[in-house]
Protein backbone atom coordinates (compact mmCIF):
# COMPACT_ATOMS: atom_id res chain seq x y z
CA MET A 1 15.74 -4.22 40.07
CA ARG A 2 16.23 -7.28 37.90
CA THR A 3 12.45 -7.56 37.39
CA LEU A 4 12.24 -3.90 36.40
CA ILE A 5 14.92 -4.37 33.74
CA LEU A 6 13.11 -7.42 32.38
CA VAL A 7 9.82 -5.50 32.19
CA ILE A 8 11.51 -2.62 30.35
CA LEU A 9 13.13 -4.99 27.86
CA CYS A 10 9.79 -6.70 27.22
CA CYS A 11 8.16 -3.32 26.57
CA PHE A 12 10.80 -2.50 23.99
CA GLY A 13 10.16 -5.84 22.29
CA VAL A 14 6.42 -5.13 22.10
CA ALA A 15 6.99 -1.60 20.81
CA THR A 16 9.38 -2.85 18.11
CA SER A 17 6.95 -5.49 16.86
CA THR A 18 4.10 -2.98 16.88
CA PHE A 19 5.88 -0.83 14.30
CA ALA A 20 6.87 -3.78 12.08
CA HIS A 21 3.77 -3.65 9.89
CA ALA A 22 3.69 -2.08 6.45
CA PHE A 23 1.13 0.72 6.49
CA VAL A 24 0.39 3.21 3.71
CA ASP A 25 2.53 6.32 4.07
CA HIS A 26 1.11 8.07 0.99
CA ALA A 27 -0.13 7.29 -2.51
CA VAL A 28 -0.43 8.78 -6.00
CA PRO A 29 -3.23 9.39 -6.83
CA ALA A 30 -3.72 10.52 -3.25
CA VAL A 31 -6.19 8.76 -0.99
CA GLY A 32 -9.67 10.21 -1.56
CA SER A 33 -8.48 12.64 -4.23
CA THR A 34 -10.04 13.84 -7.46
CA VAL A 35 -7.59 13.91 -10.35
CA HIS A 36 -8.17 15.79 -13.58
CA ALA A 37 -5.53 14.07 -15.70
CA ALA A 38 -5.81 10.31 -16.24
CA PRO A 39 -3.21 8.56 -14.08
CA VAL A 40 -1.01 6.02 -15.87
CA GLU A 41 -0.17 4.14 -12.67
CA VAL A 42 -0.98 3.90 -8.99
CA LYS A 43 1.94 4.22 -6.57
CA ILE A 44 1.75 3.42 -2.88
CA TRP A 45 4.60 4.15 -0.47
CA PHE A 46 4.57 1.91 2.62
CA THR A 47 6.28 2.31 5.98
CA GLU A 48 8.24 -0.97 5.65
CA LYS A 49 10.00 -2.90 2.88
CA LEU A 50 7.72 -5.37 1.13
CA VAL A 51 7.94 -8.97 -0.10
CA LEU A 52 6.35 -8.67 -3.55
CA PRO A 53 5.19 -12.27 -4.15
CA PHE A 54 2.97 -11.96 -1.07
CA CYS A 55 1.59 -8.50 -1.91
CA GLU A 56 -1.37 -7.39 -4.01
CA LEU A 57 -2.23 -4.09 -5.66
CA ARG A 58 -5.41 -3.86 -7.69
CA VAL A 59 -7.44 -1.01 -9.13
CA LEU A 60 -11.16 -1.61 -9.57
CA ASP A 61 -13.83 0.46 -11.31
CA ALA A 62 -17.14 1.35 -9.67
CA SER A 63 -18.66 -1.99 -10.73
CA GLY A 64 -15.84 -3.94 -9.09
CA ALA A 65 -14.06 -4.98 -12.29
CA GLU A 66 -10.26 -4.94 -12.16
CA VAL A 67 -8.93 -2.30 -14.55
CA ASP A 68 -5.18 -2.26 -13.85
CA LYS A 69 -2.64 -3.99 -16.10
CA ARG A 70 -1.89 -6.66 -13.46
CA ASP A 71 1.80 -5.79 -13.46
CA LYS A 72 2.37 -4.89 -9.80
CA HIS A 73 6.00 -4.36 -8.98
CA LEU A 74 8.30 -2.70 -6.49
CA ASP A 75 10.32 0.33 -7.46
CA GLN A 76 13.89 -0.83 -8.20
CA GLY A 77 15.39 1.71 -5.84
CA ASN A 78 12.77 1.60 -3.09
CA GLY A 79 11.42 -1.65 -1.63
CA GLU A 80 8.71 0.32 0.16
CA LEU A 81 7.10 1.57 -3.09
CA MET A 82 4.59 -0.69 -4.87
CA ILE A 83 3.33 0.28 -8.33
CA VAL A 84 0.72 -0.99 -10.79
CA SER A 85 0.16 0.36 -14.32
CA LEU A 86 -3.19 1.56 -15.64
CA PRO A 87 -4.74 1.62 -19.10
CA THR A 88 -6.49 4.77 -20.28
CA LEU A 89 -9.19 5.27 -17.66
CA LYS A 90 -12.73 6.44 -18.25
CA PRO A 91 -14.01 9.19 -15.94
CA GLY A 92 -15.36 7.77 -12.71
CA LYS A 93 -14.62 6.53 -9.21
CA TYR A 94 -11.90 3.92 -8.69
CA ILE A 95 -11.07 1.68 -5.75
CA VAL A 96 -7.48 0.78 -4.94
CA SER A 97 -7.19 -2.47 -3.01
CA TRP A 98 -3.88 -3.50 -1.50
CA ARG A 99 -2.33 -6.25 0.58
CA ALA A 100 1.17 -5.63 1.92
CA THR A 101 3.47 -8.23 3.43
CA SER A 102 6.49 -6.73 5.11
CA GLU A 103 9.89 -8.42 5.25
CA ASP A 104 9.11 -9.70 8.75
CA THR A 105 5.95 -11.41 7.31
CA HIS A 106 3.36 -9.12 8.92
CA VAL A 107 0.37 -8.56 6.62
CA THR A 108 -1.80 -5.46 6.33
CA THR A 109 -4.66 -4.78 3.92
CA GLY A 110 -6.76 -1.85 2.92
CA THR A 111 -8.59 0.11 0.27
CA PHE A 112 -8.98 3.70 -0.76
CA THR A 113 -10.68 5.54 -3.58
CA PHE A 114 -9.89 8.25 -6.07
CA VAL A 115 -12.02 9.94 -8.73
CA PHE A 116 -10.92 10.69 -12.28
CA SER A 117 -12.86 13.71 -13.50
CA PRO A 118 -11.30 15.40 -16.55
């Protein structure tokens, strides 16, 4: 019985650590979307609170040049929401590249695209 309890407790520990990574919940512009009005910022909501100094959020044009204003920040009221401002965008495809470090130091990375087509 003692062994069974220990196994169950270990399983809970593994399950808890599995969910302690910051993954994208949703974004604006939406992942893979086509927008018809030029966005002024990119917002990404994550599943965990973030540690900003160890996070990145960049927006690149189709040639790979960074086009955001390099002012990534967390929303004051929501530590799970990372934002970066954009200049006036030209029509085209854009790549959003992110690196998220959650409060428990787990790191996740990813990219997604959106198209601006007025």
